[in-house]
Amino acid sequence: MASPNAVLLISFLLFSIGIAGVLIRRNALVILMCIELMLNAANLNFVSMARHSGTVGGHAIALLVMGYAAAEVAVGLALVVALYRRRDTVQVDDINLLKG
């Protein structure tokens, strides 16, 4: 069994990669995947701390976050498909729908 410190380090690295991907990449699909990576890092953290403390609260929160992530993917992909149909691009820099 891995120590909680090792799992926290892995969770921190995954979350950092997700933040870097959101800030650096300009493709809407890659941004959505990086957000999912950040949510999975948070889930890893919740489950690790719940296992370390011997409670099930972290597991319950992780299940709620998974439900939120599924809803976020459904809405996000629907928005990306709608934007692609309207503008023929998924690059965030090229989308300027509010400029009239």
PDB file of N, CA and C in Angstrom:
ATOM      1  N   MET A   1       0.850  -1.176   0.000  1.00  0.00           N
ATOM      2  CA  MET A   1       0.000   0.000   0.000  1.00  0.00           C
ATOM      3  C   MET A   1       0.896   1.239   0.000  1.00  0.00           C
ATOM      4  N   ALA A   2       0.558   2.195  -0.843  1.00  0.00           N
ATOM      5  CA  ALA A   2       1.348   3.420  -0.957  1.00  0.00           C
ATOM      6  C   ALA A   2       1.068   4.334   0.231  1.00  0.00           C
ATOM      7  N   SER A   3       2.071   5.086   0.621  1.00  0.00           N
ATOM      8  CA  SER A   3       1.895   6.021   1.728  1.00  0.00           C
ATOM      9  C   SER A   3       1.051   7.208   1.265  1.00  0.00           C
ATOM     10  N   PRO A   4       0.362   7.853   2.202  1.00  0.00           N
ATOM     11  CA  PRO A   4      -0.455   9.022   1.825  1.00  0.00           C
ATOM     12  C   PRO A   4       0.386  10.150   1.222  1.00  0.00           C
ATOM     13  N   ASN A   5       1.624  10.292   1.662  1.00  0.00           N
ATOM     14  CA  ASN A   5       2.471  11.344   1.099  1.00  0.00           C
ATOM     15  C   ASN A   5       2.769  11.089  -0.373  1.00  0.00           C
ATOM     16  N   ALA A   6       3.009   9.845  -0.735  1.00  0.00           N
ATOM     17  CA  ALA A   6       3.273   9.518  -2.146  1.00  0.00           C
ATOM     18  C   ALA A   6       2.034   9.768  -2.994  1.00  0.00           C
ATOM     19  N   VAL A   7       0.874   9.398  -2.472  1.00  0.00           N
ATOM     20  CA  VAL A   7      -0.361   9.605  -3.226  1.00  0.00           C
ATOM     21  C   VAL A   7      -0.649  11.095  -3.359  1.00  0.00           C
ATOM     22  N   LEU A   8      -0.390  11.872  -2.307  1.00  0.00           N
ATOM     23  CA  LEU A   8      -0.584  13.319  -2.392  1.00  0.00           C
ATOM     24  C   LEU A   8       0.362  13.951  -3.405  1.00  0.00           C
ATOM     25  N   LEU A   9       1.569  13.448  -3.484  1.00  0.00           N
ATOM     26  CA  LEU A   9       2.519  13.957  -4.469  1.00  0.00           C
ATOM     27  C   LEU A   9       2.039  13.661  -5.891  1.00  0.00           C
ATOM     28  N   ILE A  10       1.559  12.462  -6.124  1.00  0.00           N
ATOM     29  CA  ILE A  10       1.032  12.110  -7.438  1.00  0.00           C
ATOM     30  C   ILE A  10      -0.188  12.957  -7.768  1.00  0.00           C
ATOM     31  N   SER A  11      -1.059  13.154  -6.783  1.00  0.00           N
ATOM     32  CA  SER A  11      -2.235  13.990  -6.982  1.00  0.00           C
ATOM     33  C   SER A  11      -1.840  15.428  -7.311  1.00  0.00           C
ATOM     34  N   PHE A  12      -0.841  15.945  -6.615  1.00  0.00           N
ATOM     35  CA  PHE A  12      -0.356  17.300  -6.891  1.00  0.00           C
ATOM     36  C   PHE A  12       0.217  17.408  -8.298  1.00  0.00           C
ATOM     37  N   LEU A  13       0.973  16.404  -8.719  1.00  0.00           N
ATOM     38  CA  LEU A  13       1.548  16.425 -10.064  1.00  0.00           C
ATOM     39  C   LEU A  13       0.460  16.370 -11.138  1.00  0.00           C
ATOM     40  N   LEU A  14      -0.541  15.527 -10.952  1.00  0.00           N
ATOM     41  CA  LEU A  14      -1.640  15.450 -11.906  1.00  0.00           C
ATOM     42  C   LEU A  14      -2.413  16.765 -11.972  1.00  0.00           C
ATOM     43  N   PHE A  15      -2.658  17.361 -10.811  1.00  0.00           N
ATOM     44  CA  PHE A  15      -3.380  18.628 -10.773  1.00  0.00           C
ATOM     45  C   PHE A  15      -2.563  19.731 -11.443  1.00  0.00           C
ATOM     46  N   SER A  16      -1.252  19.730 -11.225  1.00  0.00           N
ATOM     47  CA  SER A  16      -0.376  20.733 -11.844  1.00  0.00           C
ATOM     48  C   SER A  16      -0.346  20.580 -13.357  1.00  0.00           C
ATOM     49  N   ILE A  17      -0.306  19.350 -13.849  1.00  0.00           N
ATOM     50  CA  ILE A  17      -0.348  19.117 -15.287  1.00  0.00           C
ATOM     51  C   ILE A  17      -1.671  19.618 -15.862  1.00  0.00           C
ATOM     52  N   GLY A  18      -2.759  19.389 -15.141  1.00  0.00           N
ATOM     53  CA  GLY A  18      -4.066  19.874 -15.589  1.00  0.00           C
ATOM     54  C   GLY A  18      -4.136  21.392 -15.651  1.00  0.00           C
ATOM     55  N   ILE A  19      -3.609  22.059 -14.633  1.00  0.00           N
ATOM     56  CA  ILE A  19      -3.611  23.524 -14.632  1.00  0.00           C
ATOM     57  C   ILE A  19      -2.750  24.056 -15.771  1.00  0.00           C
ATOM     58  N   ALA A  20      -1.585  23.456 -15.963  1.00  0.00           N
ATOM     59  CA  ALA A  20      -0.707  23.891 -17.054  1.00  0.00           C
ATOM     60  C   ALA A  20      -1.394  23.698 -18.404  1.00  0.00           C
ATOM     61  N   GLY A  21      -2.098  22.603 -18.572  1.00  0.00           N
ATOM     62  CA  GLY A  21      -2.804  22.356 -19.826  1.00  0.00           C
ATOM     63  C   GLY A  21      -3.912  23.356 -20.079  1.00  0.00           C
ATOM     64  N   VAL A  22      -4.650  23.728 -19.034  1.00  0.00           N
ATOM     65  CA  VAL A  22      -5.722  24.714 -19.191  1.00  0.00           C
ATOM     66  C   VAL A  22      -5.140  26.078 -19.547  1.00  0.00           C
ATOM     67  N   LEU A  23      -4.031  26.442 -18.924  1.00  0.00           N
ATOM     68  CA  LEU A  23      -3.458  27.762 -19.155  1.00  0.00           C
ATOM     69  C   LEU A  23      -2.683  27.862 -20.468  1.00  0.00           C
ATOM     70  N   ILE A  24      -2.092  26.782 -20.929  1.00  0.00           N
ATOM     71  CA  ILE A  24      -1.219  26.850 -22.094  1.00  0.00           C
ATOM     72  C   ILE A  24      -1.951  26.501 -23.390  1.00  0.00           C
ATOM     73  N   ARG A  25      -2.746  25.438 -23.385  1.00  0.00           N
ATOM     74  CA  ARG A  25      -3.352  24.952 -24.617  1.00  0.00           C
ATOM     75  C   ARG A  25      -4.517  25.838 -25.042  1.00  0.00           C
ATOM     76  N   ARG A  26      -4.800  25.899 -26.326  1.00  0.00           N
ATOM     77  CA  ARG A  26      -5.869  26.732 -26.870  1.00  0.00           C
ATOM     78  C   ARG A  26      -6.976  25.923 -27.520  1.00  0.00           C
ATOM     79  N   ASN A  27      -6.880  24.617 -27.523  1.00  0.00           N
ATOM     80  CA  ASN A  27      -7.900  23.757 -28.099  1.00  0.00           C
ATOM     81  C   ASN A  27      -8.938  23.453 -27.021  1.00  0.00           C
ATOM     82  N   ALA A  28     -10.215  23.670 -27.346  1.00  0.00           N
ATOM     83  CA  ALA A  28     -11.274  23.502 -26.357  1.00  0.00           C
ATOM     84  C   ALA A  28     -11.373  22.064 -25.854  1.00  0.00           C
ATOM     85  N   LEU A  29     -11.142  21.089 -26.729  1.00  0.00           N
ATOM     86  CA  LEU A  29     -11.206  19.688 -26.299  1.00  0.00           C
ATOM     87  C   LEU A  29     -10.070  19.347 -25.345  1.00  0.00           C
ATOM     88  N   VAL A  30      -8.886  19.865 -25.601  1.00  0.00           N
ATOM     89  CA  VAL A  30      -7.750  19.618 -24.709  1.00  0.00           C
ATOM     90  C   VAL A  30      -7.986  20.297 -23.366  1.00  0.00           C
ATOM     91  N   ILE A  31      -8.601  21.475 -23.372  1.00  0.00           N
ATOM     92  CA  ILE A  31      -8.917  22.165 -22.118  1.00  0.00           C
ATOM     93  C   ILE A  31      -9.902  21.334 -21.307  1.00  0.00           C
ATOM     94  N   LEU A  32     -10.913  20.765 -21.960  1.00  0.00           N
ATOM     95  CA  LEU A  32     -11.860  19.902 -21.248  1.00  0.00           C
ATOM     96  C   LEU A  32     -11.166  18.671 -20.660  1.00  0.00           C
ATOM     97  N   MET A  33     -10.241  18.083 -21.406  1.00  0.00           N
ATOM     98  CA  MET A  33      -9.509  16.920 -20.881  1.00  0.00           C
ATOM     99  C   MET A  33      -8.637  17.311 -19.693  1.00  0.00           C
ATOM    100  N   CYS A  34      -8.055  18.496 -19.721  1.00  0.00           N
ATOM    101  CA  CYS A  34      -7.235  18.939 -18.594  1.00  0.00           C
ATOM    102  C   CYS A  34      -8.081  19.206 -17.365  1.00  0.00           C
ATOM    103  N   ILE A  35      -9.293  19.711 -17.558  1.00  0.00           N
ATOM    104  CA  ILE A  35     -10.204  19.887 -16.420  1.00  0.00           C
ATOM    105  C   ILE A  35     -10.557  18.534 -15.821  1.00  0.00           C
ATOM    106  N   GLU A  36     -10.775  17.541 -16.679  1.00  0.00           N
ATOM    107  CA  GLU A  36     -11.036  16.185 -16.184  1.00  0.00           C
ATOM    108  C   GLU A  36      -9.839  15.637 -15.411  1.00  0.00           C
ATOM    109  N   LEU A  37      -8.648  15.933 -15.875  1.00  0.00           N
ATOM    110  CA  LEU A  37      -7.437  15.499 -15.175  1.00  0.00           C
ATOM    111  C   LEU A  37      -7.364  16.133 -13.785  1.00  0.00           C
ATOM    112  N   MET A  38      -7.733  17.394 -13.683  1.00  0.00           N
ATOM    113  CA  MET A  38      -7.730  18.061 -12.381  1.00  0.00           C
ATOM    114  C   MET A  38      -8.786  17.462 -11.452  1.00  0.00           C
ATOM    115  N   LEU A  39      -9.954  17.134 -11.989  1.00  0.00           N
ATOM    116  CA  LEU A  39     -10.991  16.509 -11.163  1.00  0.00           C
ATOM    117  C   LEU A  39     -10.562  15.119 -10.701  1.00  0.00           C
ATOM    118  N   ASN A  40      -9.877  14.367 -11.565  1.00  0.00           N
ATOM    119  CA  ASN A  40      -9.386  13.048 -11.165  1.00  0.00           C
ATOM    120  C   ASN A  40      -8.292  13.151 -10.112  1.00  0.00           C
ATOM    121  N   ALA A  41      -7.470  14.189 -10.184  1.00  0.00           N
ATOM    122  CA  ALA A  41      -6.461  14.401  -9.146  1.00  0.00           C
ATOM    123  C   ALA A  41      -7.134  14.689  -7.803  1.00  0.00           C
ATOM    124  N   ALA A  42      -8.195  15.466  -7.822  1.00  0.00           N
ATOM    125  CA  ALA A  42      -8.933  15.736  -6.591  1.00  0.00           C
ATOM    126  C   ALA A  42      -9.569  14.456  -6.053  1.00  0.00           C
ATOM    127  N   ASN A  43     -10.113  13.621  -6.953  1.00  0.00           N
ATOM    128  CA  ASN A  43     -10.685  12.347  -6.532  1.00  0.00           C
ATOM    129  C   ASN A  43      -9.637  11.450  -5.887  1.00  0.00           C
ATOM    130  N   LEU A  44      -8.459  11.402  -6.469  1.00  0.00           N
ATOM    131  CA  LEU A  44      -7.368  10.613  -5.899  1.00  0.00           C
ATOM    132  C   LEU A  44      -7.032  11.096  -4.500  1.00  0.00           C
ATOM    133  N   ASN A  45      -7.027  12.400  -4.314  1.00  0.00           N
ATOM    134  CA  ASN A  45      -6.754  12.982  -3.016  1.00  0.00           C
ATOM    135  C   ASN A  45      -7.844  12.614  -2.005  1.00  0.00           C
ATOM    136  N   PHE A  46      -9.107  12.729  -2.410  1.00  0.00           N
ATOM    137  CA  PHE A  46     -10.216  12.383  -1.513  1.00  0.00           C
ATOM    138  C   PHE A  46     -10.158  10.920  -1.084  1.00  0.00           C
ATOM    139  N   VAL A  47      -9.953  10.034  -2.046  1.00  0.00           N
ATOM    140  CA  VAL A  47      -9.937   8.602  -1.739  1.00  0.00           C
ATOM    141  C   VAL A  47      -8.732   8.246  -0.871  1.00  0.00           C
ATOM    142  N   SER A  48      -7.596   8.852  -1.137  1.00  0.00           N
ATOM    143  CA  SER A  48      -6.398   8.578  -0.343  1.00  0.00           C
ATOM    144  C   SER A  48      -6.588   9.006   1.111  1.00  0.00           C
ATOM    145  N   MET A  49      -7.141  10.178   1.312  1.00  0.00           N
ATOM    146  CA  MET A  49      -7.344  10.653   2.684  1.00  0.00           C
ATOM    147  C   MET A  49      -8.428   9.854   3.402  1.00  0.00           C
ATOM    148  N   ALA A  50      -9.449   9.425   2.668  1.00  0.00           N
ATOM    149  CA  ALA A  50     -10.483   8.593   3.287  1.00  0.00           C
ATOM    150  C   ALA A  50      -9.913   7.240   3.685  1.00  0.00           C
ATOM    151  N   ARG A  51      -9.062   6.699   2.847  1.00  0.00           N
ATOM    152  CA  ARG A  51      -8.445   5.406   3.172  1.00  0.00           C
ATOM    153  C   ARG A  51      -7.497   5.536   4.360  1.00  0.00           C
ATOM    154  N   HIS A  52      -6.782   6.647   4.404  1.00  0.00           N
ATOM    155  CA  HIS A  52      -5.840   6.874   5.504  1.00  0.00           C
ATOM    156  C   HIS A  52      -6.565   7.065   6.834  1.00  0.00           C
ATOM    157  N   SER A  53      -7.691   7.774   6.807  1.00  0.00           N
ATOM    158  CA  SER A  53      -8.417   8.032   8.053  1.00  0.00           C
ATOM    159  C   SER A  53      -9.388   6.910   8.413  1.00  0.00           C
ATOM    160  N   GLY A  54      -9.684   6.022   7.465  1.00  0.00           N
ATOM    161  CA  GLY A  54     -10.564   4.901   7.765  1.00  0.00           C
ATOM    162  C   GLY A  54     -12.044   5.233   7.678  1.00  0.00           C
ATOM    163  N   THR A  55     -12.398   6.332   7.032  1.00  0.00           N
ATOM    164  CA  THR A  55     -13.800   6.708   6.878  1.00  0.00           C
ATOM    165  C   THR A  55     -14.213   6.545   5.419  1.00  0.00           C
ATOM    166  N   VAL A  56     -15.512   6.691   5.171  1.00  0.00           N
ATOM    167  CA  VAL A  56     -16.011   6.568   3.807  1.00  0.00           C
ATOM    168  C   VAL A  56     -16.451   7.913   3.235  1.00  0.00           C
ATOM    169  N   GLY A  57     -16.245   8.994   3.955  1.00  0.00           N
ATOM    170  CA  GLY A  57     -16.656  10.319   3.486  1.00  0.00           C
ATOM    171  C   GLY A  57     -15.957  10.735   2.205  1.00  0.00           C
ATOM    172  N   GLY A  58     -14.672  10.453   2.116  1.00  0.00           N
ATOM    173  CA  GLY A  58     -13.930  10.799   0.917  1.00  0.00           C
ATOM    174  C   GLY A  58     -14.392  10.024  -0.301  1.00  0.00           C
ATOM    175  N   HIS A  59     -14.780   8.771  -0.093  1.00  0.00           N
ATOM    176  CA  HIS A  59     -15.288   7.959  -1.198  1.00  0.00           C
ATOM    177  C   HIS A  59     -16.616   8.525  -1.701  1.00  0.00           C
ATOM    178  N   ALA A  60     -17.471   8.970  -0.785  1.00  0.00           N
ATOM    179  CA  ALA A  60     -18.753   9.551  -1.171  1.00  0.00           C
ATOM    180  C   ALA A  60     -18.546  10.845  -1.951  1.00  0.00           C
ATOM    181  N   ILE A  61     -17.624  11.678  -1.497  1.00  0.00           N
ATOM    182  CA  ILE A  61     -17.340  12.925  -2.208  1.00  0.00           C
ATOM    183  C   ILE A  61     -16.756  12.626  -3.585  1.00  0.00           C
ATOM    184  N   ALA A  62     -15.907  11.617  -3.677  1.00  0.00           N
ATOM    185  CA  ALA A  62     -15.330  11.239  -4.969  1.00  0.00           C
ATOM    186  C   ALA A  62     -16.419  10.792  -5.939  1.00  0.00           C
ATOM    187  N   LEU A  63     -17.417  10.073  -5.455  1.00  0.00           N
ATOM    188  CA  LEU A  63     -18.531   9.674  -6.322  1.00  0.00           C
ATOM    189  C   LEU A  63     -19.319  10.890  -6.788  1.00  0.00           C
ATOM    190  N   LEU A  64     -19.523  11.866  -5.907  1.00  0.00           N
ATOM    191  CA  LEU A  64     -20.211  13.095  -6.304  1.00  0.00           C
ATOM    192  C   LEU A  64     -19.403  13.862  -7.350  1.00  0.00           C
ATOM    193  N   VAL A  65     -18.094  13.909  -7.172  1.00  0.00           N
ATOM    194  CA  VAL A  65     -17.243  14.599  -8.152  1.00  0.00           C
ATOM    195  C   VAL A  65     -17.284  13.875  -9.488  1.00  0.00           C
ATOM    196  N   MET A  66     -17.356  12.537  -9.483  1.00  0.00           N
ATOM    197  CA  MET A  66     -17.468  11.796 -10.735  1.00  0.00           C
ATOM    198  C   MET A  66     -18.772  12.126 -11.454  1.00  0.00           C
ATOM    199  N   GLY A  67     -19.852  12.264 -10.705  1.00  0.00           N
ATOM    200  CA  GLY A  67     -21.127  12.671 -11.302  1.00  0.00           C
ATOM    201  C   GLY A  67     -21.056  14.067 -11.886  1.00  0.00           C
ATOM    202  N   TYR A  68     -20.401  14.974 -11.157  1.00  0.00           N
ATOM    203  CA  TYR A  68     -20.205  16.332 -11.663  1.00  0.00           C
ATOM    204  C   TYR A  68     -19.350  16.310 -12.930  1.00  0.00           C
ATOM    205  N   ALA A  69     -18.328  15.503 -12.952  1.00  0.00           N
ATOM    206  CA  ALA A  69     -17.445  15.415 -14.119  1.00  0.00           C
ATOM    207  C   ALA A  69     -18.204  14.881 -15.333  1.00  0.00           C
ATOM    208  N   ALA A  70     -19.084  13.924 -15.119  1.00  0.00           N
ATOM    209  CA  ALA A  70     -19.874  13.390 -16.233  1.00  0.00           C
ATOM    210  C   ALA A  70     -20.802  14.460 -16.800  1.00  0.00           C
ATOM    211  N   ALA A  71     -21.423  15.232 -15.919  1.00  0.00           N
ATOM    212  CA  ALA A  71     -22.293  16.315 -16.388  1.00  0.00           C
ATOM    213  C   ALA A  71     -21.483  17.394 -17.106  1.00  0.00           C
ATOM    214  N   GLU A  72     -20.313  17.693 -16.590  1.00  0.00           N
ATOM    215  CA  GLU A  72     -19.449  18.703 -17.209  1.00  0.00           C
ATOM    216  C   GLU A  72     -19.008  18.267 -18.598  1.00  0.00           C
ATOM    217  N   VAL A  73     -18.700  16.999 -18.761  1.00  0.00           N
ATOM    218  CA  VAL A  73     -18.296  16.488 -20.071  1.00  0.00           C
ATOM    219  C   VAL A  73     -19.464  16.568 -21.047  1.00  0.00           C
ATOM    220  N   ALA A  74     -20.648  16.201 -20.603  1.00  0.00           N
ATOM    221  CA  ALA A  74     -21.806  16.226 -21.499  1.00  0.00           C
ATOM    222  C   ALA A  74     -22.104  17.650 -21.967  1.00  0.00           C
ATOM    223  N   VAL A  75     -22.128  18.593 -21.053  1.00  0.00           N
ATOM    224  CA  VAL A  75     -22.410  19.983 -21.421  1.00  0.00           C
ATOM    225  C   VAL A  75     -21.253  20.578 -22.216  1.00  0.00           C
ATOM    226  N   GLY A  76     -20.032  20.318 -21.785  1.00  0.00           N
ATOM    227  CA  GLY A  76     -18.865  20.859 -22.473  1.00  0.00           C
ATOM    228  C   GLY A  76     -18.752  20.363 -23.906  1.00  0.00           C
ATOM    229  N   LEU A  77     -18.934  19.065 -24.110  1.00  0.00           N
ATOM    230  CA  LEU A  77     -18.854  18.529 -25.470  1.00  0.00           C
ATOM    231  C   LEU A  77     -19.993  19.043 -26.343  1.00  0.00           C
ATOM    232  N   ALA A  78     -21.182  19.232 -25.760  1.00  0.00           N
ATOM    233  CA  ALA A  78     -22.286  19.805 -26.527  1.00  0.00           C
ATOM    234  C   ALA A  78     -21.955  21.233 -26.956  1.00  0.00           C
ATOM    235  N   LEU A  79     -21.352  22.007 -26.085  1.00  0.00           N
ATOM    236  CA  LEU A  79     -20.949  23.370 -26.446  1.00  0.00           C
ATOM    237  C   LEU A  79     -19.862  23.371 -27.513  1.00  0.00           C
ATOM    238  N   VAL A  80     -18.903  22.477 -27.388  1.00  0.00           N
ATOM    239  CA  VAL A  80     -17.822  22.412 -28.378  1.00  0.00           C
ATOM    240  C   VAL A  80     -18.369  22.010 -29.740  1.00  0.00           C
ATOM    241  N   VAL A  81     -19.289  21.057 -29.777  1.00  0.00           N
ATOM    242  CA  VAL A  81     -19.881  20.642 -31.055  1.00  0.00           C
ATOM    243  C   VAL A  81     -20.679  21.793 -31.666  1.00  0.00           C
ATOM    244  N   ALA A  82     -21.430  22.520 -30.833  1.00  0.00           N
ATOM    245  CA  ALA A  82     -22.201  23.664 -31.345  1.00  0.00           C
ATOM    246  C   ALA A  82     -21.277  24.764 -31.869  1.00  0.00           C
ATOM    247  N   LEU A  83     -20.196  25.024 -31.156  1.00  0.00           N
ATOM    248  CA  LEU A  83     -19.244  26.029 -31.627  1.00  0.00           C
ATOM    249  C   LEU A  83     -18.557  25.594 -32.911  1.00  0.00           C
ATOM    250  N   TYR A  84     -18.243  24.321 -33.022  1.00  0.00           N
ATOM    251  CA  TYR A  84     -17.600  23.831 -34.235  1.00  0.00           C
ATOM    252  C   TYR A  84     -18.542  23.948 -35.438  1.00  0.00           C
ATOM    253  N   ARG A  85     -19.809  23.648 -35.215  1.00  0.00           N
ATOM    254  CA  ARG A  85     -20.769  23.760 -36.316  1.00  0.00           C
ATOM    255  C   ARG A  85     -20.961  25.207 -36.748  1.00  0.00           C
ATOM    256  N   ARG A  86     -20.873  26.123 -35.807  1.00  0.00           N
ATOM    257  CA  ARG A  86     -21.095  27.535 -36.125  1.00  0.00           C
ATOM    258  C   ARG A  86     -19.849  28.207 -36.690  1.00  0.00           C
ATOM    259  N   ARG A  87     -18.677  27.922 -36.137  1.00  0.00           N
ATOM    260  CA  ARG A  87     -17.446  28.630 -36.515  1.00  0.00           C
ATOM    261  C   ARG A  87     -16.408  27.765 -37.231  1.00  0.00           C
ATOM    262  N   ASP A  88     -16.613  26.469 -37.334  1.00  0.00           N
ATOM    263  CA  ASP A  88     -15.666  25.537 -37.963  1.00  0.00           C
ATOM    264  C   ASP A  88     -14.294  25.529 -37.297  1.00  0.00           C
ATOM    265  N   THR A  89     -14.255  25.761 -35.999  1.00  0.00           N
ATOM    266  CA  THR A  89     -12.997  25.691 -35.261  1.00  0.00           C
ATOM    267  C   THR A  89     -13.285  25.374 -33.793  1.00  0.00           C
ATOM    268  N   VAL A  90     -12.321  24.758 -33.141  1.00  0.00           N
ATOM    269  CA  VAL A  90     -12.420  24.522 -31.701  1.00  0.00           C
ATOM    270  C   VAL A  90     -11.284  25.236 -30.970  1.00  0.00           C
ATOM    271  N   GLN A  91     -10.586  26.119 -31.671  1.00  0.00           N
ATOM    272  CA  GLN A  91      -9.528  26.910 -31.041  1.00  0.00           C
ATOM    273  C   GLN A  91     -10.175  28.047 -30.243  1.00  0.00           C
ATOM    274  N   VAL A  92      -9.804  28.172 -28.994  1.00  0.00           N
ATOM    275  CA  VAL A  92     -10.426  29.143 -28.103  1.00  0.00           C
ATOM    276  C   VAL A  92     -10.123  30.567 -28.558  1.00  0.00           C
ATOM    277  N   ASP A  93      -8.953  30.815 -29.110  1.00  0.00           N
ATOM    278  CA  ASP A  93      -8.591  32.161 -29.552  1.00  0.00           C
ATOM    279  C   ASP A  93      -9.431  32.635 -30.740  1.00  0.00           C
ATOM    280  N   ASP A  94      -9.905  31.720 -31.563  1.00  0.00           N
ATOM    281  CA  ASP A  94     -10.671  32.073 -32.747  1.00  0.00           C
ATOM    282  C   ASP A  94     -12.151  32.262 -32.486  1.00  0.00           C
ATOM    283  N   ILE A  95     -12.607  31.947 -31.306  1.00  0.00           N
ATOM    284  CA  ILE A  95     -14.040  32.030 -30.983  1.00  0.00           C
ATOM    285  C   ILE A  95     -14.293  33.378 -30.328  1.00  0.00           C
ATOM    286  N   ASN A  96     -15.050  34.229 -31.007  1.00  0.00           N
ATOM    287  CA  ASN A  96     -15.390  35.546 -30.481  1.00  0.00           C
ATOM    288  C   ASN A  96     -16.875  35.821 -30.735  1.00  0.00           C
ATOM    289  N   LEU A  97     -17.726  35.045 -30.150  1.00  0.00           N
ATOM    290  CA  LEU A  97     -19.167  35.137 -30.391  1.00  0.00           C
ATOM    291  C   LEU A  97     -19.786  36.392 -29.787  1.00  0.00           C
ATOM    292  N   LEU A  98     -19.194  36.981 -28.757  1.00  0.00           N
ATOM    293  CA  LEU A  98     -19.803  38.122 -28.087  1.00  0.00           C
ATOM    294  C   LEU A  98     -19.393  39.463 -28.690  1.00  0.00           C
ATOM    295  N   LYS A  99     -18.626  39.460 -29.762  1.00  0.00           N
ATOM    296  CA  LYS A  99     -18.172  40.708 -30.358  1.00  0.00           C
ATOM    297  C   LYS A  99     -19.139  41.266 -31.393  1.00  0.00           C
ATOM    298  N   GLY A 100     -20.327  40.759 -31.480  1.00  0.00           N
ATOM    299  CA  GLY A 100     -21.340  41.297 -32.376  1.00  0.00           C
ATOM    300  C   GLY A 100     -21.156  40.906 -33.743  1.00  0.00           C
TER     301      GLY A 100
END
